[in-house]
Amino acid sequence: MRAPLFSKLMGVMALCACAALARAATGDVPAPVQVAPGVYAMLGSADAVAPANRGIVANNGFIVGKSGVTVIDTGSSYRYGRAMIEAIRRVTPLPVQLVVITHQAPEFVFGASAFRDAGVPILAHQRAADLIRERCAICLKNLQRTLGDEEMAGSRVTVPDRTVDATTRIDSGGRELQLLYFGPASTPGDLAVLDTATGVVFAGALVSAGRIPELRNEQIPGWLAALDTLRAMNPRVVVPGFGPLVKGDGIMPTGTYLRELDAAVRRAYASGAGLTDAMRTVQVPAFRHDKLYAIAQPQNVQRLYLQLEKLENPDKQ
C-alpha cells in the first residue's frame, strides 16, 4: 500500500513544483485563458491591492488578429506590463499593434508604460485620458506606498495618445472591434471592447463579478442604463473588470447591487441617520460575501450619502 501512496505523493509534489516553476517563469502573472478563437483573458485575484498579490487583482486580456494583437488594459505596474508582453509572445509571434484602456482605475493603467516603451499606441476615451493626466500621479503614489518601490519600479503615468469620444468601430490587427461608449457610467469615460467575430466583450469597470464595485467617479443612472444596453446585446462571454467570466444575466448583479445600495442610502438619509451611522448600518445583505464588501461598502455608503447632502445643501462645503 505504501508504494502507490508514495507515487501519488510524488506526483502531487511534481505538479506543485511545475506550477511553482510556471509562476516563477511568468512572474506570477495569470496565464492567458482562451475564451474564444483568438481572444484571451488574464484574470486577476479580484482582491484588494496588497503586497501579497503584487497588485495583480484586475482582469485584462488581448485579441489576436491576422496581422497583430490588441491589448485590453495593462495591469497595475510596469513589471506587469512587461510580463504581459512576454505572455503574449508565448501565444503568438505577431506584434502588439494597439492597447485599449477601458477606464482610468490604477489597477488597469500602469502597465501601459511598458507598452509605450515598446512603441505601441495607447487608446482610451477622451475623458478617461483626461483623468489619467489629471489624477493618476496620486494613484501611482498610493500604489507605491502599498506595493513598494521595487514592485512599482519603472511604473509611470502614461497618458493615451489616441482617443475616441463615442462608440467607434475599428480594425486592429486585422480584427474588427467595437469600442462601446454608453455615456458616463462607472466613470465618465468607460469603454467596453466588443470583438465582433466572437461576441466577447471586455467590460472594464462596468461589470464586476463576485466583488462589489468601488464607487469613485460614477453616475449610477448612466451605469444602470449601460448595463441594460450591454445585456440587450447578448454578448457570448463578458470579461468583467474583476472576477470570473460571465454570460448573459451574469452581468446584472452589478446593477442589482447599485440599485439596492442607492435605495438603502436614500432611506437612511431620509430617516435622519447621520453619516457615521449610515456607514455602519446601511447594508446590502445579498452581497455580504462578495470580495471587498467589508472595505468598500462603507466607503460606497459615504460617497452616496455625501452626494445626497450636497444636493440638499449645494452651498455647503
Protein backbone atom coordinates (compact mmCIF):
# COMPACT_ATOMS: atom_id res chain seq x y z
CA MET A 1 0.00 0.00 0.00
CA ARG A 2 2.91 2.32 0.65
CA ALA A 3 4.24 2.32 -2.92
CA PRO A 4 1.04 3.62 -4.58
CA LEU A 5 0.61 6.24 -1.86
CA PHE A 6 4.23 7.28 -2.24
CA SER A 7 3.80 7.54 -6.01
CA LYS A 8 0.70 9.70 -5.59
CA LEU A 9 2.51 11.99 -3.18
CA MET A 10 5.45 12.30 -5.55
CA GLY A 11 3.04 13.07 -8.37
CA VAL A 12 1.37 15.84 -6.36
CA MET A 13 4.75 17.25 -5.40
CA ALA A 14 5.84 17.21 -9.03
CA LEU A 15 2.69 19.05 -10.11
CA CYS A 16 3.21 21.64 -7.38
CA ALA A 17 6.83 22.07 -8.43
CA CYS A 18 5.81 22.52 -12.07
CA ALA A 19 3.18 25.09 -11.06
CA ALA A 20 5.73 26.95 -8.98
CA LEU A 21 8.20 26.99 -11.88
CA ALA A 22 5.48 28.22 -14.22
CA ARG A 23 4.61 31.04 -11.84
CA ALA A 24 8.25 31.96 -11.46
CA ALA A 25 8.74 31.95 -15.22
CA THR A 26 5.82 34.31 -15.75
CA GLY A 27 6.39 36.49 -12.69
CA ASP A 28 3.15 35.19 -11.13
CA VAL A 29 1.18 36.76 -13.98
CA PRO A 30 -2.10 34.96 -14.67
CA ALA A 31 -1.82 32.58 -17.59
CA PRO A 32 -3.80 33.69 -20.65
CA VAL A 33 -7.08 31.79 -20.92
CA GLN A 34 -8.55 31.41 -24.40
CA VAL A 35 -12.22 32.29 -24.09
CA ALA A 36 -12.96 32.25 -27.84
CA PRO A 37 -10.87 31.85 -31.01
CA GLY A 38 -8.09 34.42 -30.78
CA VAL A 39 -9.46 36.02 -27.59
CA TYR A 40 -7.56 35.64 -24.33
CA ALA A 41 -8.31 36.81 -20.81
CA MET A 42 -5.82 37.19 -17.96
CA LEU A 43 -7.77 37.05 -14.71
CA GLY A 44 -6.58 38.74 -11.53
CA SER A 45 -7.46 37.71 -7.99
CA ALA A 46 -10.22 40.35 -7.55
CA ASP A 47 -8.90 41.05 -4.04
CA ALA A 48 -7.85 44.42 -2.67
CA VAL A 49 -4.40 45.51 -3.83
CA ALA A 50 -1.79 44.22 -1.37
CA PRO A 51 1.88 43.19 -1.34
CA ALA A 52 0.86 39.52 -1.22
CA ASN A 53 -0.90 39.74 -4.60
CA ARG A 54 1.53 42.32 -6.07
CA GLY A 55 -1.44 44.34 -7.29
CA ILE A 56 -2.48 41.64 -9.76
CA VAL A 57 -6.17 41.90 -8.97
CA ALA A 58 -7.88 43.17 -12.14
CA ASN A 59 -8.68 41.40 -15.39
CA ASN A 60 -7.15 42.26 -18.74
CA GLY A 61 -6.53 40.42 -21.98
CA PHE A 62 -5.73 40.51 -25.65
CA ILE A 63 -7.19 39.71 -29.06
CA VAL A 64 -5.08 38.10 -31.78
CA GLY A 65 -5.92 39.07 -35.36
CA LYS A 66 -4.40 38.11 -38.68
CA SER A 67 -1.69 40.75 -38.53
CA GLY A 68 -1.34 41.76 -34.89
CA VAL A 69 -2.55 41.87 -31.32
CA THR A 70 -4.84 44.28 -29.49
CA VAL A 71 -4.38 44.51 -25.71
CA ILE A 72 -7.22 45.49 -23.40
CA ASP A 73 -6.00 47.05 -20.14
CA THR A 74 -2.50 46.62 -18.78
CA GLY A 75 -2.44 45.90 -15.04
CA SER A 76 -1.10 47.90 -12.13
CA SER A 77 2.64 48.17 -12.83
CA TYR A 78 5.38 48.42 -15.43
CA ARG A 79 6.54 44.98 -14.29
CA TYR A 80 3.12 43.52 -15.02
CA GLY A 81 3.03 45.21 -18.43
CA ARG A 82 6.39 43.66 -19.33
CA ALA A 83 5.23 40.24 -18.13
CA MET A 84 2.05 40.63 -20.16
CA ILE A 85 4.11 41.32 -23.29
CA GLU A 86 6.08 38.13 -22.63
CA ALA A 87 2.88 36.15 -22.07
CA ILE A 88 1.54 37.38 -25.42
CA ARG A 89 4.77 36.35 -27.15
CA ARG A 90 4.30 32.82 -25.87
CA VAL A 91 0.89 32.73 -27.55
CA THR A 92 1.73 34.42 -30.86
CA PRO A 93 4.74 35.93 -32.67
CA LEU A 94 2.54 38.70 -34.05
CA PRO A 95 3.26 42.23 -32.83
CA VAL A 96 1.11 44.18 -30.39
CA GLN A 97 -0.42 46.92 -32.50
CA LEU A 98 -2.73 48.71 -30.05
CA VAL A 99 -3.56 48.99 -26.35
CA VAL A 100 -7.09 49.96 -25.33
CA ILE A 101 -7.58 51.31 -21.80
CA THR A 102 -11.19 50.85 -20.66
CA HIS A 103 -11.04 53.38 -17.79
CA GLN A 104 -8.59 55.14 -15.51
CA ALA A 105 -8.58 52.97 -12.35
CA PRO A 106 -4.99 52.31 -11.20
CA GLU A 107 -5.29 48.51 -11.34
CA PHE A 108 -5.76 48.81 -15.11
CA VAL A 109 -3.42 51.52 -16.36
CA PHE A 110 0.15 51.47 -15.04
CA GLY A 111 1.33 48.59 -17.19
CA ALA A 112 0.77 50.92 -20.14
CA SER A 113 4.23 52.39 -19.66
CA ALA A 114 5.78 49.07 -20.75
CA PHE A 115 3.76 49.14 -23.97
CA ARG A 116 4.63 52.81 -24.54
CA ASP A 117 8.32 51.88 -24.27
CA ALA A 118 7.70 49.18 -26.89
CA GLY A 119 6.29 51.80 -29.25
CA VAL A 120 2.67 50.64 -29.05
CA PRO A 121 -0.06 53.29 -29.38
CA ILE A 122 -2.47 53.55 -26.45
CA LEU A 123 -6.14 54.42 -26.88
CA ALA A 124 -8.85 55.44 -24.42
CA HIS A 125 -11.97 57.55 -24.27
CA GLN A 126 -11.07 61.24 -24.19
CA ARG A 127 -12.44 61.70 -20.68
CA ALA A 128 -10.51 58.70 -19.38
CA ALA A 129 -7.34 60.11 -20.94
CA ASP A 130 -8.02 63.44 -19.22
CA LEU A 131 -8.48 61.74 -15.84
CA ILE A 132 -5.27 59.75 -16.28
CA ARG A 133 -3.45 63.01 -16.93
CA GLU A 134 -5.11 64.86 -14.06
CA ARG A 135 -5.28 62.26 -11.29
CA CYS A 136 -3.12 59.22 -11.88
CA ALA A 137 0.01 60.72 -10.31
CA ILE A 138 -1.76 60.46 -6.94
CA CYS A 139 -2.87 56.89 -7.72
CA LEU A 140 0.72 55.97 -8.56
CA LYS A 141 1.99 57.29 -5.23
CA ASN A 142 -0.69 55.28 -3.43
CA LEU A 143 0.33 52.10 -5.23
CA GLN A 144 3.98 52.77 -4.47
CA ARG A 145 3.15 53.08 -0.78
CA THR A 146 1.10 49.88 -0.84
CA LEU A 147 3.26 47.67 -3.06
CA GLY A 148 6.69 49.19 -2.54
CA ASP A 149 9.18 50.87 -4.84
CA GLU A 150 10.64 47.60 -6.11
CA GLU A 151 7.30 46.22 -7.31
CA MET A 152 6.40 49.54 -8.91
CA ALA A 153 9.83 50.21 -10.44
CA GLY A 154 9.53 51.81 -13.88
CA SER A 155 5.81 52.50 -13.48
CA ARG A 156 4.71 55.96 -14.54
CA VAL A 157 1.67 57.88 -15.63
CA THR A 158 1.14 57.12 -19.31
CA VAL A 159 -1.46 59.29 -21.00
CA PRO A 160 -3.12 57.64 -24.02
CA ASP A 161 -2.03 59.13 -27.33
CA ARG A 162 -5.19 58.17 -29.17
CA THR A 163 -8.74 58.94 -28.04
CA VAL A 164 -12.35 58.44 -29.04
CA ASP A 165 -15.40 60.29 -27.77
CA ALA A 166 -18.19 57.95 -28.92
CA THR A 167 -18.81 54.35 -29.89
CA THR A 168 -16.31 53.59 -32.63
CA ARG A 169 -15.70 50.65 -34.93
CA ILE A 170 -12.03 49.98 -35.65
CA ASP A 171 -9.86 47.43 -37.41
CA SER A 172 -6.95 46.45 -35.19
CA GLY A 173 -4.52 43.71 -36.08
CA GLY A 174 -6.89 42.52 -38.79
CA ARG A 175 -9.76 42.14 -36.31
CA GLU A 176 -12.96 44.19 -36.28
CA LEU A 177 -13.60 45.64 -32.83
CA GLN A 178 -16.27 47.93 -31.45
CA LEU A 179 -15.25 50.40 -28.77
CA LEU A 180 -18.53 50.85 -26.92
CA TYR A 181 -19.27 54.09 -25.09
CA PHE A 182 -22.58 54.31 -23.25
CA GLY A 183 -22.06 57.72 -21.67
CA PRO A 184 -20.87 58.49 -18.12
CA ALA A 185 -21.39 55.32 -16.09
CA SER A 186 -18.96 53.78 -13.61
CA THR A 187 -16.57 56.52 -14.73
CA PRO A 188 -17.01 59.45 -17.13
CA GLY A 189 -15.06 57.67 -19.87
CA ASP A 190 -15.89 53.96 -19.69
CA LEU A 191 -15.21 51.91 -22.78
CA ALA A 192 -16.17 48.30 -23.36
CA VAL A 193 -14.49 46.38 -26.17
CA LEU A 194 -16.52 44.01 -28.35
CA ASP A 195 -14.81 41.52 -30.64
CA THR A 196 -17.43 41.29 -33.37
CA ALA A 197 -16.24 37.92 -34.70
CA THR A 198 -16.79 36.08 -31.41
CA GLY A 199 -19.20 38.22 -29.39
CA VAL A 200 -16.76 38.51 -26.49
CA VAL A 201 -16.91 41.78 -24.56
CA PHE A 202 -14.25 43.18 -22.26
CA ALA A 203 -16.47 45.24 -19.97
CA GLY A 204 -13.88 47.05 -17.86
CA ALA A 205 -15.34 48.83 -14.83
CA LEU A 206 -18.93 48.39 -15.99
CA VAL A 207 -19.11 44.82 -14.66
CA SER A 208 -17.73 43.27 -11.50
CA ALA A 209 -18.36 39.59 -10.70
CA GLY A 210 -18.19 38.37 -7.11
CA ARG A 211 -16.70 41.69 -5.99
CA ILE A 212 -18.68 44.80 -5.17
CA PRO A 213 -17.74 47.82 -7.27
CA GLU A 214 -15.88 50.72 -5.69
CA LEU A 215 -17.71 53.96 -6.39
CA ARG A 216 -15.26 56.63 -7.48
CA ASN A 217 -16.49 58.73 -10.41
CA GLU A 218 -19.83 57.09 -11.06
CA GLN A 219 -23.15 58.20 -12.47
CA ILE A 220 -25.48 55.45 -11.23
CA PRO A 221 -28.39 56.11 -13.65
CA GLY A 222 -25.99 56.03 -16.59
CA TRP A 223 -24.26 52.94 -15.22
CA LEU A 224 -27.55 51.07 -14.90
CA ALA A 225 -28.55 52.10 -18.41
CA ALA A 226 -25.19 50.91 -19.75
CA LEU A 227 -25.65 47.51 -18.11
CA ASP A 228 -29.14 47.18 -19.58
CA THR A 229 -27.84 48.06 -23.04
CA LEU A 230 -24.93 45.68 -22.74
CA ARG A 231 -27.20 42.84 -21.62
CA ALA A 232 -29.55 43.50 -24.56
CA MET A 233 -26.59 42.99 -26.91
CA ASN A 234 -26.49 39.35 -25.73
CA PRO A 235 -22.69 39.00 -25.68
CA ARG A 236 -21.32 35.47 -25.86
CA VAL A 237 -18.88 35.99 -22.99
CA VAL A 238 -18.18 39.02 -20.80
CA VAL A 239 -14.78 39.61 -19.25
CA PRO A 240 -15.58 41.77 -16.20
CA GLY A 241 -13.14 44.22 -14.72
CA PHE A 242 -12.88 41.95 -11.69
CA GLY A 243 -13.88 38.36 -11.10
CA PRO A 244 -14.66 35.32 -13.25
CA LEU A 245 -16.01 35.34 -16.78
CA VAL A 246 -19.79 35.72 -17.02
CA LYS A 247 -22.51 35.19 -19.59
CA GLY A 248 -25.98 36.58 -20.13
CA ASP A 249 -27.59 37.68 -16.90
CA GLY A 250 -24.24 37.27 -15.13
CA ILE A 251 -23.59 40.95 -15.74
CA MET A 252 -26.74 42.05 -13.90
CA PRO A 253 -25.71 41.55 -10.23
CA THR A 254 -23.61 44.70 -10.58
CA GLY A 255 -26.79 46.62 -11.36
CA THR A 256 -28.70 44.90 -8.57
CA TYR A 257 -26.06 45.97 -6.07
CA LEU A 258 -26.13 49.57 -7.30
CA ARG A 259 -29.92 49.79 -7.12
CA GLU A 260 -30.14 48.28 -3.65
CA LEU A 261 -27.25 50.37 -2.33
CA ASP A 262 -28.70 53.60 -3.70
CA ALA A 263 -32.16 52.84 -2.27
CA ALA A 264 -30.75 51.90 1.15
CA VAL A 265 -28.65 55.07 1.40
CA ARG A 266 -31.64 57.21 0.39
CA ARG A 267 -33.78 55.57 3.07
CA ALA A 268 -31.13 56.15 5.72
CA TYR A 269 -30.67 59.77 4.69
CA ALA A 270 -34.43 60.43 4.64
CA SER A 271 -34.78 58.90 8.13
CA GLY A 272 -32.31 61.42 9.54
CA ALA A 273 -29.44 58.97 10.12
CA GLY A 274 -26.07 60.68 10.35
CA LEU A 275 -23.18 59.81 8.07
CA THR A 276 -21.34 57.73 10.65
CA ASP A 277 -24.44 55.71 11.49
CA ALA A 278 -25.26 55.23 7.82
CA MET A 279 -21.76 53.92 7.08
CA ARG A 280 -22.16 51.44 9.92
CA THR A 281 -25.73 50.32 9.38
CA VAL A 282 -26.52 50.53 5.67
CA GLN A 283 -26.02 47.07 4.24
CA VAL A 284 -26.84 45.16 1.07
CA PRO A 285 -27.18 41.67 2.57
CA ALA A 286 -27.22 39.69 -0.67
CA PHE A 287 -23.68 40.87 -1.39
CA ARG A 288 -22.12 40.38 2.06
CA HIS A 289 -19.96 37.51 0.82
CA ASP A 290 -18.62 39.33 -2.24
CA LYS A 291 -15.00 40.39 -2.21
CA LEU A 292 -14.22 43.87 -0.87
CA TYR A 293 -17.60 44.12 0.87
CA ALA A 294 -16.16 44.91 4.29
CA ILE A 295 -13.82 47.54 2.83
CA ALA A 296 -15.81 49.12 0.02
CA GLN A 297 -19.37 49.00 1.38
CA PRO A 298 -18.96 51.77 4.00
CA GLN A 299 -16.94 53.84 1.52
CA ASN A 300 -19.70 53.48 -1.08
CA VAL A 301 -22.31 54.48 1.50
CA GLN A 302 -20.25 57.52 2.42
CA ARG A 303 -19.94 58.61 -1.20
CA LEU A 304 -23.66 58.38 -1.94
CA TYR A 305 -24.63 59.97 1.39
CA LEU A 306 -22.38 62.97 0.74
CA GLN A 307 -23.85 63.33 -2.75
CA LEU A 308 -27.35 63.50 -1.25
CA GLU A 309 -26.17 66.00 1.33
CA LYS A 310 -24.66 68.18 -1.39
CA LEU A 311 -27.88 68.09 -3.41
CA GLU A 312 -29.84 69.24 -0.38
CA ASN A 313 -27.27 71.83 0.66
CA PRO A 314 -25.48 72.90 -2.53
CA ASP A 315 -23.68 75.76 -0.77
CA LYS A 316 -22.28 73.52 1.96
CA GLN A 317 -18.54 72.94 1.64
